[in-house]
Amino acid sequence: MKNLYLFQYNISNIGVENILDSIFIDTLLLLNLSDNPNINGDGINIIKGKIQDNNNALKELLRLNLSGTSINNDTVLERLNQIQFSKLKKLILQDIDFSKCQQSLANIIKAKV
């Protein structure tokens, strides 16, 4: 499996964990989790933990779409920034209200470049 589109499936953080436990996760190029408002900072922690625990998890991922999720605070942005995606080229974060963040999203993005 190369592309996994799970937008608007009402996926929660537990769902993210189950997806990342799949044997197909190591070969994914695109993962679209957009419009799943039940995914929040805990879901980002799960992604981070899976990648740290398994060097092969998401190792081929080129594109990650987290638009329309509930990752809308500084702590979540810091967790997302700490994830070491080896090949990620595009991270999509549309329709997320970052107005309550004290840290600028632009500063986080600059730190990744």
PDB file of N, CA and C in Angstrom:
ATOM      1  N   MET A   1       0.848  -1.170   0.000  1.00  0.00           N
ATOM      2  CA  MET A   1       0.000   0.000   0.000  1.00  0.00           C
ATOM      3  C   MET A   1       0.903   1.245   0.000  1.00  0.00           C
ATOM      4  N   LYS A   2       0.599   2.180  -0.886  1.00  0.00           N
ATOM      5  CA  LYS A   2       1.396   3.401  -0.997  1.00  0.00           C
ATOM      6  C   LYS A   2       0.665   4.641  -0.504  1.00  0.00           C
ATOM      7  N   ASN A   3      -0.647   4.702  -0.709  1.00  0.00           N
ATOM      8  CA  ASN A   3      -1.441   5.864  -0.329  1.00  0.00           C
ATOM      9  C   ASN A   3      -2.603   5.432   0.559  1.00  0.00           C
ATOM     10  N   LEU A   4      -2.802   6.163   1.639  1.00  0.00           N
ATOM     11  CA  LEU A   4      -3.899   5.857   2.546  1.00  0.00           C
ATOM     12  C   LEU A   4      -4.665   7.145   2.828  1.00  0.00           C
ATOM     13  N   TYR A   5      -5.887   7.204   2.324  1.00  0.00           N
ATOM     14  CA  TYR A   5      -6.760   8.371   2.479  1.00  0.00           C
ATOM     15  C   TYR A   5      -7.835   8.045   3.516  1.00  0.00           C
ATOM     16  N   LEU A   6      -7.754   8.680   4.663  1.00  0.00           N
ATOM     17  CA  LEU A   6      -8.711   8.435   5.741  1.00  0.00           C
ATOM     18  C   LEU A   6      -9.356   9.735   6.204  1.00  0.00           C
ATOM     19  N   PHE A   7      -9.605  10.634   5.272  1.00  0.00           N
ATOM     20  CA  PHE A   7     -10.227  11.902   5.626  1.00  0.00           C
ATOM     21  C   PHE A   7     -11.706  11.696   5.895  1.00  0.00           C
ATOM     22  N   GLN A   8     -12.214  12.415   6.896  1.00  0.00           N
ATOM     23  CA  GLN A   8     -13.614  12.395   7.320  1.00  0.00           C
ATOM     24  C   GLN A   8     -14.093  11.000   7.730  1.00  0.00           C
ATOM     25  N   TYR A   9     -13.249  10.258   8.418  1.00  0.00           N
ATOM     26  CA  TYR A   9     -13.627   8.925   8.895  1.00  0.00           C
ATOM     27  C   TYR A   9     -13.878   8.892  10.392  1.00  0.00           C
ATOM     28  N   ASN A  10     -13.880  10.063  11.041  1.00  0.00           N
ATOM     29  CA  ASN A  10     -14.102  10.149  12.481  1.00  0.00           C
ATOM     30  C   ASN A  10     -13.073   9.316  13.258  1.00  0.00           C
ATOM     31  N   ILE A  11     -11.834   9.391  12.805  1.00  0.00           N
ATOM     32  CA  ILE A  11     -10.740   8.655  13.441  1.00  0.00           C
ATOM     33  C   ILE A  11     -10.307   9.390  14.702  1.00  0.00           C
ATOM     34  N   SER A  12     -10.002   8.624  15.729  1.00  0.00           N
ATOM     35  CA  SER A  12      -9.537   9.191  16.993  1.00  0.00           C
ATOM     36  C   SER A  12      -8.047   8.879  17.153  1.00  0.00           C
ATOM     37  N   ASN A  13      -7.498   9.268  18.282  1.00  0.00           N
ATOM     38  CA  ASN A  13      -6.099   8.955  18.575  1.00  0.00           C
ATOM     39  C   ASN A  13      -5.869   7.447  18.615  1.00  0.00           C
ATOM     40  N   ILE A  14      -6.827   6.705  19.146  1.00  0.00           N
ATOM     41  CA  ILE A  14      -6.720   5.237  19.176  1.00  0.00           C
ATOM     42  C   ILE A  14      -6.701   4.689  17.749  1.00  0.00           C
ATOM     43  N   GLY A  15      -7.490   5.291  16.876  1.00  0.00           N
ATOM     44  CA  GLY A  15      -7.479   4.892  15.476  1.00  0.00           C
ATOM     45  C   GLY A  15      -6.129   5.126  14.832  1.00  0.00           C
ATOM     46  N   VAL A  16      -5.493   6.248  15.171  1.00  0.00           N
ATOM     47  CA  VAL A  16      -4.146   6.533  14.653  1.00  0.00           C
ATOM     48  C   VAL A  16      -3.189   5.432  15.101  1.00  0.00           C
ATOM     49  N   GLU A  17      -3.293   5.055  16.358  1.00  0.00           N
ATOM     50  CA  GLU A  17      -2.420   4.000  16.883  1.00  0.00           C
ATOM     51  C   GLU A  17      -2.640   2.686  16.137  1.00  0.00           C
ATOM     52  N   ASN A  18      -3.898   2.328  15.904  1.00  0.00           N
ATOM     53  CA  ASN A  18      -4.202   1.091  15.182  1.00  0.00           C
ATOM     54  C   ASN A  18      -3.685   1.137  13.746  1.00  0.00           C
ATOM     55  N   ILE A  19      -3.813   2.282  13.101  1.00  0.00           N
ATOM     56  CA  ILE A  19      -3.306   2.433  11.738  1.00  0.00           C
ATOM     57  C   ILE A  19      -1.799   2.234  11.713  1.00  0.00           C
ATOM     58  N   LEU A  20      -1.114   2.838  12.677  1.00  0.00           N
ATOM     59  CA  LEU A  20       0.343   2.744  12.705  1.00  0.00           C
ATOM     60  C   LEU A  20       0.846   1.369  13.128  1.00  0.00           C
ATOM     61  N   ASP A  21      -0.032   0.530  13.634  1.00  0.00           N
ATOM     62  CA  ASP A  21       0.334  -0.850  13.949  1.00  0.00           C
ATOM     63  C   ASP A  21       0.233  -1.764  12.732  1.00  0.00           C
ATOM     64  N   SER A  22      -0.271  -1.233  11.629  1.00  0.00           N
ATOM     65  CA  SER A  22      -0.450  -2.017  10.410  1.00  0.00           C
ATOM     66  C   SER A  22       0.895  -2.392   9.795  1.00  0.00           C
ATOM     67  N   ILE A  23       0.936  -3.543   9.158  1.00  0.00           N
ATOM     68  CA  ILE A  23       2.161  -3.977   8.478  1.00  0.00           C
ATOM     69  C   ILE A  23       2.441  -3.144   7.227  1.00  0.00           C
ATOM     70  N   PHE A  24       1.445  -2.418   6.750  1.00  0.00           N
ATOM     71  CA  PHE A  24       1.606  -1.629   5.529  1.00  0.00           C
ATOM     72  C   PHE A  24       2.203  -0.248   5.782  1.00  0.00           C
ATOM     73  N   ILE A  25       2.325   0.155   7.020  1.00  0.00           N
ATOM     74  CA  ILE A  25       2.715   1.513   7.353  1.00  0.00           C
ATOM     75  C   ILE A  25       4.140   1.847   6.902  1.00  0.00           C
ATOM     76  N   ASP A  26       4.996   0.864   6.799  1.00  0.00           N
ATOM     77  CA  ASP A  26       6.391   1.120   6.429  1.00  0.00           C
ATOM     78  C   ASP A  26       6.559   1.532   4.975  1.00  0.00           C
ATOM     79  N   THR A  27       5.582   1.233   4.136  1.00  0.00           N
ATOM     80  CA  THR A  27       5.716   1.538   2.710  1.00  0.00           C
ATOM     81  C   THR A  27       4.862   2.715   2.258  1.00  0.00           C
ATOM     82  N   LEU A  28       4.133   3.335   3.182  1.00  0.00           N
ATOM     83  CA  LEU A  28       3.259   4.446   2.809  1.00  0.00           C
ATOM     84  C   LEU A  28       4.052   5.641   2.299  1.00  0.00           C
ATOM     85  N   LEU A  29       3.568   6.214   1.208  1.00  0.00           N
ATOM     86  CA  LEU A  29       4.122   7.451   0.677  1.00  0.00           C
ATOM     87  C   LEU A  29       3.246   8.636   1.064  1.00  0.00           C
ATOM     88  N   LEU A  30       1.941   8.398   1.188  1.00  0.00           N
ATOM     89  CA  LEU A  30       0.984   9.458   1.503  1.00  0.00           C
ATOM     90  C   LEU A  30       0.035   8.962   2.592  1.00  0.00           C
ATOM     91  N   LEU A  31      -0.130   9.773   3.623  1.00  0.00           N
ATOM     92  CA  LEU A  31      -1.095   9.475   4.685  1.00  0.00           C
ATOM     93  C   LEU A  31      -1.956  10.713   4.882  1.00  0.00           C
ATOM     94  N   ASN A  32      -3.241  10.580   4.597  1.00  0.00           N
ATOM     95  CA  ASN A  32      -4.181  11.689   4.722  1.00  0.00           C
ATOM     96  C   ASN A  32      -5.133  11.399   5.873  1.00  0.00           C
ATOM     97  N   LEU A  33      -4.955  12.136   6.965  1.00  0.00           N
ATOM     98  CA  LEU A  33      -5.813  12.010   8.149  1.00  0.00           C
ATOM     99  C   LEU A  33      -6.656  13.265   8.340  1.00  0.00           C
ATOM    100  N   SER A  34      -6.866  14.017   7.280  1.00  0.00           N
ATOM    101  CA  SER A  34      -7.552  15.298   7.390  1.00  0.00           C
ATOM    102  C   SER A  34      -9.023  15.148   7.768  1.00  0.00           C
ATOM    103  N   ASP A  35      -9.545  16.216   8.341  1.00  0.00           N
ATOM    104  CA  ASP A  35     -10.947  16.314   8.747  1.00  0.00           C
ATOM    105  C   ASP A  35     -11.352  15.217   9.724  1.00  0.00           C
ATOM    106  N   ASN A  36     -10.461  14.922  10.646  1.00  0.00           N
ATOM    107  CA  ASN A  36     -10.726  14.017  11.762  1.00  0.00           C
ATOM    108  C   ASN A  36     -10.464  14.805  13.047  1.00  0.00           C
ATOM    109  N   PRO A  37     -11.461  15.570  13.520  1.00  0.00           N
ATOM    110  CA  PRO A  37     -11.244  16.470  14.660  1.00  0.00           C
ATOM    111  C   PRO A  37     -10.942  15.768  15.978  1.00  0.00           C
ATOM    112  N   ASN A  38     -11.087  14.461  16.044  1.00  0.00           N
ATOM    113  CA  ASN A  38     -10.766  13.731  17.276  1.00  0.00           C
ATOM    114  C   ASN A  38      -9.285  13.400  17.379  1.00  0.00           C
ATOM    115  N   ILE A  39      -8.510  13.724  16.358  1.00  0.00           N
ATOM    116  CA  ILE A  39      -7.058  13.554  16.427  1.00  0.00           C
ATOM    117  C   ILE A  39      -6.496  14.843  17.008  1.00  0.00           C
ATOM    118  N   ASN A  40      -5.764  14.716  18.124  1.00  0.00           N
ATOM    119  CA  ASN A  40      -5.196  15.886  18.791  1.00  0.00           C
ATOM    120  C   ASN A  40      -3.737  15.628  19.147  1.00  0.00           C
ATOM    121  N   GLY A  41      -3.257  16.310  20.157  1.00  0.00           N
ATOM    122  CA  GLY A  41      -1.861  16.159  20.573  1.00  0.00           C
ATOM    123  C   GLY A  41      -1.484  14.737  20.927  1.00  0.00           C
ATOM    124  N   ASP A  42      -2.424  13.992  21.496  1.00  0.00           N
ATOM    125  CA  ASP A  42      -2.133  12.590  21.823  1.00  0.00           C
ATOM    126  C   ASP A  42      -1.877  11.778  20.548  1.00  0.00           C
ATOM    127  N   GLY A  43      -2.593  12.095  19.493  1.00  0.00           N
ATOM    128  CA  GLY A  43      -2.365  11.412  18.221  1.00  0.00           C
ATOM    129  C   GLY A  43      -0.983  11.711  17.668  1.00  0.00           C
ATOM    130  N   ILE A  44      -0.542  12.956  17.833  1.00  0.00           N
ATOM    131  CA  ILE A  44       0.810  13.326  17.398  1.00  0.00           C
ATOM    132  C   ILE A  44       1.847  12.597  18.244  1.00  0.00           C
ATOM    133  N   ASN A  45       1.584  12.464  19.543  1.00  0.00           N
ATOM    134  CA  ASN A  45       2.487  11.685  20.406  1.00  0.00           C
ATOM    135  C   ASN A  45       2.577  10.238  19.957  1.00  0.00           C
ATOM    136  N   ILE A  46       1.465   9.684  19.541  1.00  0.00           N
ATOM    137  CA  ILE A  46       1.453   8.295  19.066  1.00  0.00           C
ATOM    138  C   ILE A  46       2.308   8.168  17.807  1.00  0.00           C
ATOM    139  N   ILE A  47       2.154   9.106  16.876  1.00  0.00           N
ATOM    140  CA  ILE A  47       2.969   9.084  15.654  1.00  0.00           C
ATOM    141  C   ILE A  47       4.448   9.190  16.023  1.00  0.00           C
ATOM    142  N   LYS A  48       4.776  10.130  16.885  1.00  0.00           N
ATOM    143  CA  LYS A  48       6.160  10.320  17.315  1.00  0.00           C
ATOM    144  C   LYS A  48       6.724   9.053  17.960  1.00  0.00           C
ATOM    145  N   GLY A  49       5.941   8.455  18.865  1.00  0.00           N
ATOM    146  CA  GLY A  49       6.385   7.243  19.554  1.00  0.00           C
ATOM    147  C   GLY A  49       6.603   6.076  18.616  1.00  0.00           C
ATOM    148  N   LYS A  50       5.701   5.907  17.654  1.00  0.00           N
ATOM    149  CA  LYS A  50       5.836   4.790  16.700  1.00  0.00           C
ATOM    150  C   LYS A  50       7.090   4.936  15.868  1.00  0.00           C
ATOM    151  N   ILE A  51       7.390   6.164  15.449  1.00  0.00           N
ATOM    152  CA  ILE A  51       8.586   6.386  14.638  1.00  0.00           C
ATOM    153  C   ILE A  51       9.846   6.162  15.482  1.00  0.00           C
ATOM    154  N   GLN A  52       9.822   6.599  16.739  1.00  0.00           N
ATOM    155  CA  GLN A  52      10.982   6.401  17.608  1.00  0.00           C
ATOM    156  C   GLN A  52      11.189   4.932  17.958  1.00  0.00           C
ATOM    157  N   ASP A  53      10.098   4.197  18.136  1.00  0.00           N
ATOM    158  CA  ASP A  53      10.192   2.791  18.524  1.00  0.00           C
ATOM    159  C   ASP A  53      10.520   1.868  17.354  1.00  0.00           C
ATOM    160  N   ASN A  54      10.169   2.294  16.154  1.00  0.00           N
ATOM    161  CA  ASN A  54      10.342   1.440  14.975  1.00  0.00           C
ATOM    162  C   ASN A  54      10.935   2.288  13.862  1.00  0.00           C
ATOM    163  N   ASN A  55      12.198   2.101  13.579  1.00  0.00           N
ATOM    164  CA  ASN A  55      12.876   2.896  12.558  1.00  0.00           C
ATOM    165  C   ASN A  55      12.233   2.779  11.186  1.00  0.00           C
ATOM    166  N   ASN A  56      11.480   1.741  10.947  1.00  0.00           N
ATOM    167  CA  ASN A  56      10.844   1.558   9.647  1.00  0.00           C
ATOM    168  C   ASN A  56       9.482   2.234   9.542  1.00  0.00           C
ATOM    169  N   ALA A  57       8.881   2.609  10.673  1.00  0.00           N
ATOM    170  CA  ALA A  57       7.548   3.202  10.647  1.00  0.00           C
ATOM    171  C   ALA A  57       7.578   4.526   9.898  1.00  0.00           C
ATOM    172  N   LEU A  58       6.757   4.618   8.878  1.00  0.00           N
ATOM    173  CA  LEU A  58       6.610   5.821   8.065  1.00  0.00           C
ATOM    174  C   LEU A  58       7.926   6.286   7.445  1.00  0.00           C
ATOM    175  N   LYS A  59       8.860   5.390   7.270  1.00  0.00           N
ATOM    176  CA  LYS A  59      10.180   5.784   6.757  1.00  0.00           C
ATOM    177  C   LYS A  59      10.136   6.277   5.320  1.00  0.00           C
ATOM    178  N   GLU A  60       9.133   5.876   4.549  1.00  0.00           N
ATOM    179  CA  GLU A  60       9.020   6.293   3.149  1.00  0.00           C
ATOM    180  C   GLU A  60       8.038   7.443   2.950  1.00  0.00           C
ATOM    181  N   LEU A  61       7.399   7.892   4.031  1.00  0.00           N
ATOM    182  CA  LEU A  61       6.334   8.890   3.926  1.00  0.00           C
ATOM    183  C   LEU A  61       6.850  10.191   3.318  1.00  0.00           C
ATOM    184  N   LEU A  62       6.180  10.613   2.247  1.00  0.00           N
ATOM    185  CA  LEU A  62       6.517  11.863   1.571  1.00  0.00           C
ATOM    186  C   LEU A  62       5.526  12.976   1.879  1.00  0.00           C
ATOM    187  N   ARG A  63       4.283  12.593   2.185  1.00  0.00           N
ATOM    188  CA  ARG A  63       3.224  13.589   2.364  1.00  0.00           C
ATOM    189  C   ARG A  63       2.310  13.178   3.516  1.00  0.00           C
ATOM    190  N   LEU A  64       2.087  14.114   4.448  1.00  0.00           N
ATOM    191  CA  LEU A  64       1.218  13.882   5.595  1.00  0.00           C
ATOM    192  C   LEU A  64       0.227  15.034   5.675  1.00  0.00           C
ATOM    193  N   ASN A  65      -1.056  14.701   5.676  1.00  0.00           N
ATOM    194  CA  ASN A  65      -2.099  15.713   5.748  1.00  0.00           C
ATOM    195  C   ASN A  65      -2.818  15.588   7.085  1.00  0.00           C
ATOM    196  N   LEU A  66      -2.668  16.616   7.917  1.00  0.00           N
ATOM    197  CA  LEU A  66      -3.323  16.670   9.226  1.00  0.00           C
ATOM    198  C   LEU A  66      -4.316  17.827   9.291  1.00  0.00           C
ATOM    199  N   SER A  67      -4.765  18.307   8.148  1.00  0.00           N
ATOM    200  CA  SER A  67      -5.722  19.419   8.091  1.00  0.00           C
ATOM    201  C   SER A  67      -7.018  19.042   8.792  1.00  0.00           C
ATOM    202  N   GLY A  68      -7.620  20.020   9.449  1.00  0.00           N
ATOM    203  CA  GLY A  68      -8.914  19.787  10.079  1.00  0.00           C
ATOM    204  C   GLY A  68      -8.872  18.857  11.271  1.00  0.00           C
ATOM    205  N   THR A  69      -7.690  18.706  11.874  1.00  0.00           N
ATOM    206  CA  THR A  69      -7.586  17.939  13.118  1.00  0.00           C
ATOM    207  C   THR A  69      -7.521  18.940  14.268  1.00  0.00           C
ATOM    208  N   SER A  70      -7.368  18.457  15.476  1.00  0.00           N
ATOM    209  CA  SER A  70      -7.346  19.337  16.657  1.00  0.00           C
ATOM    210  C   SER A  70      -5.938  19.515  17.211  1.00  0.00           C
ATOM    211  N   ILE A  71      -4.989  19.703  16.332  1.00  0.00           N
ATOM    212  CA  ILE A  71      -3.601  19.917  16.763  1.00  0.00           C
ATOM    213  C   ILE A  71      -3.333  21.414  16.766  1.00  0.00           C
ATOM    214  N   ASN A  72      -3.900  22.120  17.728  1.00  0.00           N
ATOM    215  CA  ASN A  72      -3.925  23.574  17.650  1.00  0.00           C
ATOM    216  C   ASN A  72      -3.326  24.292  18.857  1.00  0.00           C
ATOM    217  N   ASN A  73      -2.244  23.770  19.403  1.00  0.00           N
ATOM    218  CA  ASN A  73      -1.595  24.518  20.475  1.00  0.00           C
ATOM    219  C   ASN A  73      -0.080  24.346  20.412  1.00  0.00           C
ATOM    220  N   ASP A  74       0.623  25.142  21.196  1.00  0.00           N
ATOM    221  CA  ASP A  74       2.085  25.145  21.164  1.00  0.00           C
ATOM    222  C   ASP A  74       2.689  23.781  21.454  1.00  0.00           C
ATOM    223  N   THR A  75       2.145  23.084  22.441  1.00  0.00           N
ATOM    224  CA  THR A  75       2.693  21.782  22.823  1.00  0.00           C
ATOM    225  C   THR A  75       2.628  20.804  21.656  1.00  0.00           C
ATOM    226  N   VAL A  76       1.508  20.803  20.962  1.00  0.00           N
ATOM    227  CA  VAL A  76       1.346  19.896  19.824  1.00  0.00           C
ATOM    228  C   VAL A  76       2.305  20.278  18.708  1.00  0.00           C
ATOM    229  N   LEU A  77       2.458  21.573  18.466  1.00  0.00           N
ATOM    230  CA  LEU A  77       3.394  22.005  17.426  1.00  0.00           C
ATOM    231  C   LEU A  77       4.824  21.589  17.773  1.00  0.00           C
ATOM    232  N   GLU A  78       5.187  21.688  19.038  1.00  0.00           N
ATOM    233  CA  GLU A  78       6.524  21.262  19.463  1.00  0.00           C
ATOM    234  C   GLU A  78       6.704  19.761  19.266  1.00  0.00           C
ATOM    235  N   ARG A  79       5.691  18.976  19.605  1.00  0.00           N
ATOM    236  CA  ARG A  79       5.761  17.518  19.400  1.00  0.00           C
ATOM    237  C   ARG A  79       5.910  17.197  17.922  1.00  0.00           C
ATOM    238  N   LEU A  80       5.136  17.874  17.097  1.00  0.00           N
ATOM    239  CA  LEU A  80       5.187  17.660  15.656  1.00  0.00           C
ATOM    240  C   LEU A  80       6.563  18.028  15.120  1.00  0.00           C
ATOM    241  N   ASN A  81       7.121  19.086  15.639  1.00  0.00           N
ATOM    242  CA  ASN A  81       8.444  19.537  15.226  1.00  0.00           C
ATOM    243  C   ASN A  81       9.527  18.530  15.599  1.00  0.00           C
ATOM    244  N   GLN A  82       9.314  17.762  16.658  1.00  0.00           N
ATOM    245  CA  GLN A  82      10.311  16.809  17.134  1.00  0.00           C
ATOM    246  C   GLN A  82      10.317  15.494  16.357  1.00  0.00           C
ATOM    247  N   ILE A  83       9.289  15.251  15.573  1.00  0.00           N
ATOM    248  CA  ILE A  83       9.217  14.000  14.823  1.00  0.00           C
ATOM    249  C   ILE A  83      10.250  14.015  13.706  1.00  0.00           C
ATOM    250  N   GLN A  84      11.022  12.965  13.615  1.00  0.00           N
ATOM    251  CA  GLN A  84      12.072  12.858  12.605  1.00  0.00           C
ATOM    252  C   GLN A  84      11.591  12.019  11.420  1.00  0.00           C
ATOM    253  N   PHE A  85      10.851  12.680  10.522  1.00  0.00           N
ATOM    254  CA  PHE A  85      10.438  12.013   9.285  1.00  0.00           C
ATOM    255  C   PHE A  85      11.642  12.007   8.356  1.00  0.00           C
ATOM    256  N   SER A  86      12.034  10.856   7.868  1.00  0.00           N
ATOM    257  CA  SER A  86      13.249  10.793   7.070  1.00  0.00           C
ATOM    258  C   SER A  86      13.091  11.370   5.666  1.00  0.00           C
ATOM    259  N   LYS A  87      11.900  11.260   5.064  1.00  0.00           N
ATOM    260  CA  LYS A  87      11.737  11.692   3.678  1.00  0.00           C
ATOM    261  C   LYS A  87      10.583  12.666   3.452  1.00  0.00           C
ATOM    262  N   LEU A  88       9.929  13.105   4.505  1.00  0.00           N
ATOM    263  CA  LEU A  88       8.740  13.939   4.370  1.00  0.00           C
ATOM    264  C   LEU A  88       9.040  15.201   3.566  1.00  0.00           C
ATOM    265  N   LYS A  89       8.234  15.427   2.533  1.00  0.00           N
ATOM    266  CA  LYS A  89       8.373  16.600   1.673  1.00  0.00           C
ATOM    267  C   LYS A  89       7.246  17.593   1.886  1.00  0.00           C
ATOM    268  N   LYS A  90       6.062  17.107   2.298  1.00  0.00           N
ATOM    269  CA  LYS A  90       4.918  18.000   2.428  1.00  0.00           C
ATOM    270  C   LYS A  90       4.103  17.635   3.666  1.00  0.00           C
ATOM    271  N   LEU A  91       3.944  18.630   4.542  1.00  0.00           N
ATOM    272  CA  LEU A  91       3.090  18.519   5.717  1.00  0.00           C
ATOM    273  C   LEU A  91       1.970  19.533   5.533  1.00  0.00           C
ATOM    274  N   ILE A  92       0.740  19.056   5.493  1.00  0.00           N
ATOM    275  CA  ILE A  92      -0.406  19.926   5.215  1.00  0.00           C
ATOM    276  C   ILE A  92      -1.197  20.128   6.506  1.00  0.00           C
ATOM    277  N   LEU A  93      -1.381  21.414   6.873  1.00  0.00           N
ATOM    278  CA  LEU A  93      -2.057  21.778   8.121  1.00  0.00           C
ATOM    279  C   LEU A  93      -3.109  22.854   7.865  1.00  0.00           C
ATOM    280  N   GLN A  94      -3.997  22.631   6.950  1.00  0.00           N
ATOM    281  CA  GLN A  94      -5.050  23.603   6.663  1.00  0.00           C
ATOM    282  C   GLN A  94      -6.199  23.449   7.649  1.00  0.00           C
ATOM    283  N   ASP A  95      -6.969  24.521   7.790  1.00  0.00           N
ATOM    284  CA  ASP A  95      -8.178  24.519   8.618  1.00  0.00           C
ATOM    285  C   ASP A  95      -7.914  24.152  10.071  1.00  0.00           C
ATOM    286  N   ILE A  96      -6.786  24.614  10.582  1.00  0.00           N
ATOM    287  CA  ILE A  96      -6.464  24.446  11.998  1.00  0.00           C
ATOM    288  C   ILE A  96      -6.288  25.837  12.577  1.00  0.00           C
ATOM    289  N   ASP A  97      -6.932  26.105  13.703  1.00  0.00           N
ATOM    290  CA  ASP A  97      -6.873  27.418  14.325  1.00  0.00           C
ATOM    291  C   ASP A  97      -5.646  27.503  15.232  1.00  0.00           C
ATOM    292  N   PHE A  98      -4.607  28.156  14.732  1.00  0.00           N
ATOM    293  CA  PHE A  98      -3.379  28.329  15.503  1.00  0.00           C
ATOM    294  C   PHE A  98      -3.347  29.671  16.229  1.00  0.00           C
ATOM    295  N   SER A  99      -4.477  30.366  16.299  1.00  0.00           N
ATOM    296  CA  SER A  99      -4.497  31.702  16.892  1.00  0.00           C
ATOM    297  C   SER A  99      -4.168  31.699  18.385  1.00  0.00           C
ATOM    298  N   LYS A 100      -4.352  30.581  19.055  1.00  0.00           N
ATOM    299  CA  LYS A 100      -4.061  30.511  20.487  1.00  0.00           C
ATOM    300  C   LYS A 100      -2.607  30.137  20.766  1.00  0.00           C
ATOM    301  N   CYS A 101      -1.859  29.883  19.719  1.00  0.00           N
ATOM    302  CA  CYS A 101      -0.459  29.517  19.889  1.00  0.00           C
ATOM    303  C   CYS A 101       0.376  30.766  20.125  1.00  0.00           C
ATOM    304  N   GLN A 102       1.250  30.692  21.092  1.00  0.00           N
ATOM    305  CA  GLN A 102       2.157  31.801  21.328  1.00  0.00           C
ATOM    306  C   GLN A 102       3.336  31.730  20.372  1.00  0.00           C
ATOM    307  N   GLN A 103       3.696  30.539  20.020  1.00  0.00           N
ATOM    308  CA  GLN A 103       4.809  30.329  19.114  1.00  0.00           C
ATOM    309  C   GLN A 103       4.305  30.428  17.683  1.00  0.00           C
ATOM    310  N   SER A 104       5.054  31.056  16.839  1.00  0.00           N
ATOM    311  CA  SER A 104       4.660  31.210  15.448  1.00  0.00           C
ATOM    312  C   SER A 104       4.876  29.912  14.689  1.00  0.00           C
ATOM    313  N   LEU A 105       3.891  29.513  13.918  1.00  0.00           N
ATOM    314  CA  LEU A 105       4.031  28.331  13.067  1.00  0.00           C
ATOM    315  C   LEU A 105       5.173  28.531  12.091  1.00  0.00           C
ATOM    316  N   ALA A 106       5.347  29.750  11.630  1.00  0.00           N
ATOM    317  CA  ALA A 106       6.439  30.052  10.693  1.00  0.00           C
ATOM    318  C   ALA A 106       7.796  29.763  11.337  1.00  0.00           C
ATOM    319  N   ASN A 107       7.956  30.056  12.620  1.00  0.00           N
ATOM    320  CA  ASN A 107       9.214  29.777  13.299  1.00  0.00           C
ATOM    321  C   ASN A 107       9.493  28.285  13.393  1.00  0.00           C
ATOM    322  N   ILE A 108       8.460  27.518  13.602  1.00  0.00           N
ATOM    323  CA  ILE A 108       8.626  26.061  13.654  1.00  0.00           C
ATOM    324  C   ILE A 108       9.022  25.536  12.289  1.00  0.00           C
ATOM    325  N   ILE A 109       8.354  26.031  11.257  1.00  0.00           N
ATOM    326  CA  ILE A 109       8.671  25.582   9.906  1.00  0.00           C
ATOM    327  C   ILE A 109      10.097  25.959   9.534  1.00  0.00           C
ATOM    328  N   LYS A 110      10.530  27.166   9.880  1.00  0.00           N
ATOM    329  CA  LYS A 110      11.899  27.588   9.595  1.00  0.00           C
ATOM    330  C   LYS A 110      12.910  26.677  10.279  1.00  0.00           C
ATOM    331  N   ALA A 111      12.580  26.216  11.478  1.00  0.00           N
ATOM    332  CA  ALA A 111      13.495  25.347  12.217  1.00  0.00           C
ATOM    333  C   ALA A 111      13.646  23.995  11.528  1.00  0.00           C
ATOM    334  N   LYS A 112      12.666  23.578  10.752  1.00  0.00           N
ATOM    335  CA  LYS A 112      12.714  22.280  10.084  1.00  0.00           C
ATOM    336  C   LYS A 112      13.471  22.348   8.768  1.00  0.00           C
ATOM    337  N   VAL A 113      13.602  23.540   8.192  1.00  0.00           N
ATOM    338  CA  VAL A 113      14.224  23.670   6.860  1.00  0.00           C
ATOM    339  C   VAL A 113      15.722  23.630   6.977  1.00  0.00           C
TER     340      VAL A 113
END
